[in-house]
Protein backbone atom coordinates (compact mmCIF):
# COMPACT_ATOMS: atom_id res chain seq x y z
CA UNK A 1 0.00 0.00 0.00
CA UNK A 2 1.37 3.39 -1.02
CA UNK A 3 1.90 5.83 1.84
CA UNK A 4 1.92 9.61 1.80
CA UNK A 5 5.15 10.74 3.45
CA UNK A 6 6.03 14.27 4.57
CA UNK A 7 9.76 14.87 5.06
CA UNK A 8 11.24 18.06 6.44
CA UNK A 9 14.62 18.82 4.85
CA UNK A 10 14.52 15.93 2.41
CA UNK A 11 17.32 17.23 0.22
CA UNK A 12 20.30 16.56 2.54
CA UNK A 13 21.53 14.16 5.20
CA UNK A 14 19.01 11.95 6.98
CA UNK A 15 16.10 13.61 5.17
CA UNK A 16 17.66 12.75 1.80
CA UNK A 17 18.22 9.15 2.88
CA UNK A 18 14.58 8.90 3.96
CA UNK A 19 13.41 10.44 0.70
CA UNK A 20 15.35 7.81 -1.23
CA UNK A 21 14.02 4.97 0.95
CA UNK A 22 10.38 5.97 0.63
CA UNK A 23 10.67 6.57 -3.13
CA UNK A 24 12.21 3.11 -3.55
CA UNK A 25 9.18 1.67 -1.75
CA UNK A 26 6.88 3.45 -4.20
CA UNK A 27 5.51 5.93 -1.67
CA UNK A 28 4.33 9.46 -2.44
CA UNK A 29 6.85 11.87 -0.92
CA UNK A 30 6.26 15.53 -0.06
CA UNK A 31 9.43 17.39 0.90
CA UNK A 32 9.45 20.71 2.78
CA UNK A 33 12.69 22.65 2.34
CA UNK A 34 13.82 26.26 2.13
CA UNK A 35 15.98 25.59 -0.95
CA UNK A 36 15.47 22.61 -3.26
CA UNK A 37 18.05 23.52 -5.90
CA UNK A 38 20.20 20.65 -7.08
CA UNK A 39 18.23 17.86 -5.43
CA UNK A 40 18.65 14.56 -7.23
CA UNK A 41 14.99 13.65 -6.55
CA UNK A 42 13.38 16.96 -7.55
CA UNK A 43 11.44 15.35 -10.39
CA UNK A 44 10.18 12.47 -8.22
CA UNK A 45 8.81 14.29 -5.17
CA UNK A 46 6.36 17.06 -4.44
CA UNK A 47 8.39 20.00 -3.22
CA UNK A 48 7.09 22.66 -0.87
CA UNK A 49 9.50 25.56 -0.46
CA UNK A 50 9.13 26.97 3.04
CA UNK A 51 11.45 28.52 5.60
CA UNK A 52 10.70 26.70 8.86
CA UNK A 53 12.09 29.59 10.89
CA UNK A 54 8.74 31.25 10.06
CA UNK A 55 7.14 29.45 13.00
CA UNK A 56 4.06 31.65 13.17
CA UNK A 57 2.85 30.51 9.74
CA UNK A 58 3.45 26.76 10.16
CA UNK A 59 -0.28 26.10 10.79
CA UNK A 60 -1.12 27.64 7.40
CA UNK A 61 1.65 25.57 5.78
CA UNK A 62 0.12 22.41 7.23
CA UNK A 63 -3.36 23.42 6.09
CA UNK A 64 -2.03 24.10 2.59
CA UNK A 65 -0.28 20.75 2.33
CA UNK A 66 -3.36 18.91 3.54
CA UNK A 67 -5.68 20.80 1.22
CA UNK A 68 -3.58 20.76 -1.96
CA UNK A 69 -2.48 17.15 -1.90
PDB file of N, CA and C in Angstrom:
ATOM      1  N   UNK A   1       0.837  -1.177   0.000  1.00  0.00           N
ATOM      2  CA  UNK A   1       0.000   0.000   0.000  1.00  0.00           C
ATOM      3  C   UNK A   1       0.887   1.247   0.000  1.00  0.00           C
ATOM      4  N   UNK A   2       0.597   2.144  -0.919  1.00  0.00           N
ATOM      5  CA  UNK A   2       1.370   3.389  -1.015  1.00  0.00           C
ATOM      6  C   UNK A   2       1.025   4.308   0.151  1.00  0.00           C
ATOM      7  N   UNK A   3       2.069   4.874   0.752  1.00  0.00           N
ATOM      8  CA  UNK A   3       1.896   5.832   1.845  1.00  0.00           C
ATOM      9  C   UNK A   3       2.174   7.234   1.333  1.00  0.00           C
ATOM     10  N   UNK A   4       1.583   8.205   2.005  1.00  0.00           N
ATOM     11  CA  UNK A   4       1.924   9.608   1.800  1.00  0.00           C
ATOM     12  C   UNK A   4       2.912   9.975   2.892  1.00  0.00           C
ATOM     13  N   UNK A   5       4.078  10.462   2.496  1.00  0.00           N
ATOM     14  CA  UNK A   5       5.155  10.741   3.447  1.00  0.00           C
ATOM     15  C   UNK A   5       5.550  12.212   3.355  1.00  0.00           C
ATOM     16  N   UNK A   6       5.588  12.879   4.499  1.00  0.00           N
ATOM     17  CA  UNK A   6       6.035  14.267   4.573  1.00  0.00           C
ATOM     18  C   UNK A   6       7.399  14.279   5.245  1.00  0.00           C
ATOM     19  N   UNK A   7       8.393  14.823   4.535  1.00  0.00           N
ATOM     20  CA  UNK A   7       9.757  14.868   5.056  1.00  0.00           C
ATOM     21  C   UNK A   7      10.212  16.322   5.108  1.00  0.00           C
ATOM     22  N   UNK A   8      10.691  16.719   6.259  1.00  0.00           N
ATOM     23  CA  UNK A   8      11.236  18.058   6.442  1.00  0.00           C
ATOM     24  C   UNK A   8      12.732  17.992   6.131  1.00  0.00           C
ATOM     25  N   UNK A   9      13.193  18.819   5.206  1.00  0.00           N
ATOM     26  CA  UNK A   9      14.616  18.825   4.854  1.00  0.00           C
ATOM     27  C   UNK A   9      15.030  17.574   4.107  1.00  0.00           C
ATOM     28  N   UNK A  10      14.256  17.171   3.133  1.00  0.00           N
ATOM     29  CA  UNK A  10      14.524  15.930   2.414  1.00  0.00           C
ATOM     30  C   UNK A  10      15.547  16.031   1.307  1.00  0.00           C
ATOM     31  N   UNK A  11      16.324  17.081   1.280  1.00  0.00           N
ATOM     32  CA  UNK A  11      17.319  17.234   0.221  1.00  0.00           C
ATOM     33  C   UNK A  11      18.764  17.069   0.697  1.00  0.00           C
ATOM     34  N   UNK A  12      18.946  16.777   2.003  1.00  0.00           N
ATOM     35  CA  UNK A  12      20.302  16.561   2.537  1.00  0.00           C
ATOM     36  C   UNK A  12      20.250  15.579   3.708  1.00  0.00           C
ATOM     37  N   UNK A  13      21.359  14.968   4.000  1.00  0.00           N
ATOM     38  CA  UNK A  13      21.532  14.160   5.201  1.00  0.00           C
ATOM     39  C   UNK A  13      20.488  13.070   5.402  1.00  0.00           C
ATOM     40  N   UNK A  14      19.989  12.982   6.625  1.00  0.00           N
ATOM     41  CA  UNK A  14      19.006  11.950   6.982  1.00  0.00           C
ATOM     42  C   UNK A  14      17.728  12.123   6.163  1.00  0.00           C
ATOM     43  N   UNK A  15      17.304  13.362   5.965  1.00  0.00           N
ATOM     44  CA  UNK A  15      16.104  13.612   5.171  1.00  0.00           C
ATOM     45  C   UNK A  15      16.239  13.085   3.749  1.00  0.00           C
ATOM     46  N   UNK A  16      17.408  13.250   3.151  1.00  0.00           N
ATOM     47  CA  UNK A  16      17.659  12.748   1.801  1.00  0.00           C
ATOM     48  C   UNK A  16      17.632  11.223   1.787  1.00  0.00           C
ATOM     49  N   UNK A  17      18.230  10.610   2.792  1.00  0.00           N
ATOM     50  CA  UNK A  17      18.220   9.146   2.875  1.00  0.00           C
ATOM     51  C   UNK A  17      16.791   8.621   3.019  1.00  0.00           C
ATOM     52  N   UNK A  18      15.978   9.308   3.811  1.00  0.00           N
ATOM     53  CA  UNK A  18      14.576   8.900   3.962  1.00  0.00           C
ATOM     54  C   UNK A  18      13.800   9.103   2.665  1.00  0.00           C
ATOM     55  N   UNK A  19      14.050  10.195   1.986  1.00  0.00           N
ATOM     56  CA  UNK A  19      13.409  10.441   0.700  1.00  0.00           C
ATOM     57  C   UNK A  19      13.691   9.291  -0.252  1.00  0.00           C
ATOM     58  N   UNK A  20      14.950   8.913  -0.357  1.00  0.00           N
ATOM     59  CA  UNK A  20      15.348   7.812  -1.231  1.00  0.00           C
ATOM     60  C   UNK A  20      14.648   6.522  -0.830  1.00  0.00           C
ATOM     61  N   UNK A  21      14.637   6.206   0.448  1.00  0.00           N
ATOM     62  CA  UNK A  21      14.023   4.971   0.949  1.00  0.00           C
ATOM     63  C   UNK A  21      12.535   4.907   0.596  1.00  0.00           C
ATOM     64  N   UNK A  22      11.810   5.979   0.891  1.00  0.00           N
ATOM     65  CA  UNK A  22      10.376   5.972   0.627  1.00  0.00           C
ATOM     66  C   UNK A  22      10.071   5.944  -0.870  1.00  0.00           C
ATOM     67  N   UNK A  23      10.867   6.628  -1.684  1.00  0.00           N
ATOM     68  CA  UNK A  23      10.671   6.567  -3.132  1.00  0.00           C
ATOM     69  C   UNK A  23      10.902   5.157  -3.654  1.00  0.00           C
ATOM     70  N   UNK A  24      11.930   4.485  -3.139  1.00  0.00           N
ATOM     71  CA  UNK A  24      12.215   3.107  -3.553  1.00  0.00           C
ATOM     72  C   UNK A  24      11.064   2.169  -3.216  1.00  0.00           C
ATOM     73  N   UNK A  25      10.327   2.490  -2.157  1.00  0.00           N
ATOM     74  CA  UNK A  25       9.177   1.673  -1.749  1.00  0.00           C
ATOM     75  C   UNK A  25       7.918   2.031  -2.541  1.00  0.00           C
ATOM     76  N   UNK A  26       8.016   3.051  -3.388  1.00  0.00           N
ATOM     77  CA  UNK A  26       6.882   3.452  -4.195  1.00  0.00           C
ATOM     78  C   UNK A  26       5.917   4.388  -3.503  1.00  0.00           C
ATOM     79  N   UNK A  27       6.361   5.010  -2.415  1.00  0.00           N
ATOM     80  CA  UNK A  27       5.508   5.927  -1.668  1.00  0.00           C
ATOM     81  C   UNK A  27       5.492   7.309  -2.309  1.00  0.00           C
ATOM     82  N   UNK A  28       4.460   8.061  -1.996  1.00  0.00           N
ATOM     83  CA  UNK A  28       4.329   9.456  -2.437  1.00  0.00           C
ATOM     84  C   UNK A  28       5.037  10.330  -1.404  1.00  0.00           C
ATOM     85  N   UNK A  29       6.021  11.101  -1.838  1.00  0.00           N
ATOM     86  CA  UNK A  29       6.850  11.875  -0.916  1.00  0.00           C
ATOM     87  C   UNK A  29       6.647  13.368  -1.152  1.00  0.00           C
ATOM     88  N   UNK A  30       6.360  14.072  -0.055  1.00  0.00           N
ATOM     89  CA  UNK A  30       6.259  15.528  -0.059  1.00  0.00           C
ATOM     90  C   UNK A  30       7.421  16.033   0.793  1.00  0.00           C
ATOM     91  N   UNK A  31       8.243  16.892   0.218  1.00  0.00           N
ATOM     92  CA  UNK A  31       9.432  17.393   0.904  1.00  0.00           C
ATOM     93  C   UNK A  31       9.270  18.887   1.163  1.00  0.00           C
ATOM     94  N   UNK A  32       9.479  19.296   2.413  1.00  0.00           N
ATOM     95  CA  UNK A  32       9.449  20.710   2.778  1.00  0.00           C
ATOM     96  C   UNK A  32      10.884  21.161   3.019  1.00  0.00           C
ATOM     97  N   UNK A  33      11.325  22.126   2.221  1.00  0.00           N
ATOM     98  CA  UNK A  33      12.690  22.651   2.338  1.00  0.00           C
ATOM     99  C   UNK A  33      12.682  24.148   2.051  1.00  0.00           C
ATOM    100  N   UNK A  34      13.739  24.828   2.461  1.00  0.00           N
ATOM    101  CA  UNK A  34      13.822  26.255   2.133  1.00  0.00           C
ATOM    102  C   UNK A  34      14.534  26.471   0.801  1.00  0.00           C
ATOM    103  N   UNK A  35      15.299  25.473   0.338  1.00  0.00           N
ATOM    104  CA  UNK A  35      15.982  25.585  -0.952  1.00  0.00           C
ATOM    105  C   UNK A  35      16.120  24.184  -1.539  1.00  0.00           C
ATOM    106  N   UNK A  36      15.480  23.949  -2.663  1.00  0.00           N
ATOM    107  CA  UNK A  36      15.466  22.608  -3.256  1.00  0.00           C
ATOM    108  C   UNK A  36      16.361  22.513  -4.485  1.00  0.00           C
ATOM    109  N   UNK A  37      17.181  23.514  -4.719  1.00  0.00           N
ATOM    110  CA  UNK A  37      18.051  23.518  -5.901  1.00  0.00           C
ATOM    111  C   UNK A  37      19.049  22.364  -5.840  1.00  0.00           C
ATOM    112  N   UNK A  38      19.193  21.693  -6.978  1.00  0.00           N
ATOM    113  CA  UNK A  38      20.203  20.654  -7.084  1.00  0.00           C
ATOM    114  C   UNK A  38      19.837  19.317  -6.480  1.00  0.00           C
ATOM    115  N   UNK A  39      18.611  19.147  -6.017  1.00  0.00           N
ATOM    116  CA  UNK A  39      18.229  17.864  -5.434  1.00  0.00           C
ATOM    117  C   UNK A  39      18.126  16.799  -6.524  1.00  0.00           C
ATOM    118  N   UNK A  40      18.674  15.638  -6.247  1.00  0.00           N
ATOM    119  CA  UNK A  40      18.652  14.560  -7.229  1.00  0.00           C
ATOM    120  C   UNK A  40      17.260  13.950  -7.401  1.00  0.00           C
ATOM    121  N   UNK A  41      16.333  14.217  -6.472  1.00  0.00           N
ATOM    122  CA  UNK A  41      14.991  13.649  -6.550  1.00  0.00           C
ATOM    123  C   UNK A  41      13.918  14.698  -6.854  1.00  0.00           C
ATOM    124  N   UNK A  42      14.323  15.858  -7.317  1.00  0.00           N
ATOM    125  CA  UNK A  42      13.380  16.963  -7.548  1.00  0.00           C
ATOM    126  C   UNK A  42      12.235  16.573  -8.474  1.00  0.00           C
ATOM    127  N   UNK A  43      12.496  15.725  -9.441  1.00  0.00           N
ATOM    128  CA  UNK A  43      11.443  15.350 -10.389  1.00  0.00           C
ATOM    129  C   UNK A  43      10.547  14.229  -9.858  1.00  0.00           C
ATOM    130  N   UNK A  44      10.930  13.618  -8.739  1.00  0.00           N
ATOM    131  CA  UNK A  44      10.179  12.472  -8.225  1.00  0.00           C
ATOM    132  C   UNK A  44       9.347  12.774  -6.976  1.00  0.00           C
ATOM    133  N   UNK A  45       9.532  13.942  -6.395  1.00  0.00           N
ATOM    134  CA  UNK A  45       8.814  14.289  -5.167  1.00  0.00           C
ATOM    135  C   UNK A  45       7.998  15.557  -5.379  1.00  0.00           C
ATOM    136  N   UNK A  46       7.075  15.786  -4.475  1.00  0.00           N
ATOM    137  CA  UNK A  46       6.361  17.057  -4.440  1.00  0.00           C
ATOM    138  C   UNK A  46       7.154  17.961  -3.504  1.00  0.00           C
ATOM    139  N   UNK A  47       7.548  19.095  -3.997  1.00  0.00           N
ATOM    140  CA  UNK A  47       8.389  19.996  -3.216  1.00  0.00           C
ATOM    141  C   UNK A  47       7.588  21.199  -2.746  1.00  0.00           C
ATOM    142  N   UNK A  48       7.695  21.479  -1.456  1.00  0.00           N
ATOM    143  CA  UNK A  48       7.091  22.662  -0.873  1.00  0.00           C
ATOM    144  C   UNK A  48       8.235  23.509  -0.328  1.00  0.00           C
ATOM    145  N   UNK A  49       8.437  24.667  -0.919  1.00  0.00           N
ATOM    146  CA  UNK A  49       9.503  25.556  -0.461  1.00  0.00           C
ATOM    147  C   UNK A  49       8.948  26.396   0.682  1.00  0.00           C
ATOM    148  N   UNK A  50       9.591  26.260   1.853  1.00  0.00           N
ATOM    149  CA  UNK A  50       9.128  26.972   3.040  1.00  0.00           C
ATOM    150  C   UNK A  50      10.289  27.118   4.012  1.00  0.00           C
ATOM    151  N   UNK A  51      10.421  28.270   4.594  1.00  0.00           N
ATOM    152  CA  UNK A  51      11.455  28.523   5.601  1.00  0.00           C
ATOM    153  C   UNK A  51      10.853  28.222   6.974  1.00  0.00           C
ATOM    154  N   UNK A  52      11.279  27.134   7.585  1.00  0.00           N
ATOM    155  CA  UNK A  52      10.704  26.705   8.861  1.00  0.00           C
ATOM    156  C   UNK A  52      11.029  27.617  10.033  1.00  0.00           C
ATOM    157  N   UNK A  53      11.871  28.618   9.822  1.00  0.00           N
ATOM    158  CA  UNK A  53      12.085  29.588  10.891  1.00  0.00           C
ATOM    159  C   UNK A  53      10.879  30.523  11.014  1.00  0.00           C
ATOM    160  N   UNK A  54       9.992  30.488  10.025  1.00  0.00           N
ATOM    161  CA  UNK A  54       8.744  31.249  10.062  1.00  0.00           C
ATOM    162  C   UNK A  54       7.703  30.436  10.841  1.00  0.00           C
ATOM    163  N   UNK A  55       7.939  30.309  12.119  1.00  0.00           N
ATOM    164  CA  UNK A  55       7.143  29.447  12.998  1.00  0.00           C
ATOM    165  C   UNK A  55       5.679  29.877  13.066  1.00  0.00           C
ATOM    166  N   UNK A  56       5.435  31.152  13.035  1.00  0.00           N
ATOM    167  CA  UNK A  56       4.065  31.649  13.172  1.00  0.00           C
ATOM    168  C   UNK A  56       3.139  31.158  12.060  1.00  0.00           C
ATOM    169  N   UNK A  57       3.681  30.909  10.876  1.00  0.00           N
ATOM    170  CA  UNK A  57       2.846  30.508   9.743  1.00  0.00           C
ATOM    171  C   UNK A  57       2.844  29.008   9.468  1.00  0.00           C
ATOM    172  N   UNK A  58       3.442  28.212  10.349  1.00  0.00           N
ATOM    173  CA  UNK A  58       3.446  26.759  10.156  1.00  0.00           C
ATOM    174  C   UNK A  58       2.026  26.186  10.099  1.00  0.00           C
ATOM    175  N   UNK A  59       1.079  26.632  10.929  1.00  0.00           N
ATOM    176  CA  UNK A  59      -0.285  26.096  10.786  1.00  0.00           C
ATOM    177  C   UNK A  59      -0.873  26.298   9.384  1.00  0.00           C
ATOM    178  N   UNK A  60      -0.598  27.434   8.756  1.00  0.00           N
ATOM    179  CA  UNK A  60      -1.118  27.639   7.403  1.00  0.00           C
ATOM    180  C   UNK A  60      -0.379  26.760   6.390  1.00  0.00           C
ATOM    181  N   UNK A  61       0.905  26.502   6.631  1.00  0.00           N
ATOM    182  CA  UNK A  61       1.646  25.567   5.785  1.00  0.00           C
ATOM    183  C   UNK A  61       1.014  24.190   5.852  1.00  0.00           C
ATOM    184  N   UNK A  62       0.721  23.731   7.052  1.00  0.00           N
ATOM    185  CA  UNK A  62       0.119  22.408   7.231  1.00  0.00           C
ATOM    186  C   UNK A  62      -1.249  22.344   6.565  1.00  0.00           C
ATOM    187  N   UNK A  63      -2.033  23.383   6.730  1.00  0.00           N
ATOM    188  CA  UNK A  63      -3.357  23.419   6.094  1.00  0.00           C
ATOM    189  C   UNK A  63      -3.220  23.380   4.573  1.00  0.00           C
ATOM    190  N   UNK A  64      -2.245  24.083   4.030  1.00  0.00           N
ATOM    191  CA  UNK A  64      -2.035  24.102   2.587  1.00  0.00           C
ATOM    192  C   UNK A  64      -1.634  22.728   2.078  1.00  0.00           C
ATOM    193  N   UNK A  65      -0.728  22.074   2.759  1.00  0.00           N
ATOM    194  CA  UNK A  65      -0.280  20.755   2.334  1.00  0.00           C
ATOM    195  C   UNK A  65      -1.447  19.770   2.372  1.00  0.00           C
ATOM    196  N   UNK A  66      -2.217  19.810   3.423  1.00  0.00           N
ATOM    197  CA  UNK A  66      -3.361  18.911   3.538  1.00  0.00           C
ATOM    198  C   UNK A  66      -4.425  19.175   2.503  1.00  0.00           C
ATOM    199  N   UNK A  67      -4.625  20.406   2.165  1.00  0.00           N
ATOM    200  CA  UNK A  67      -5.684  20.799   1.224  1.00  0.00           C
ATOM    201  C   UNK A  67      -5.267  20.540  -0.221  1.00  0.00           C
ATOM    202  N   UNK A  68      -4.026  20.830  -0.566  1.00  0.00           N
ATOM    203  CA  UNK A  68      -3.582  20.755  -1.957  1.00  0.00           C
ATOM    204  C   UNK A  68      -3.210  19.355  -2.404  1.00  0.00           C
ATOM    205  N   UNK A  69      -3.004  18.454  -1.504  1.00  0.00           N
ATOM    206  CA  UNK A  69      -2.480  17.149  -1.897  1.00  0.00           C
ATOM    207  C   UNK A  69      -3.420  16.058  -1.600  1.00  0.00           C
TER     208      UNK A  69
END
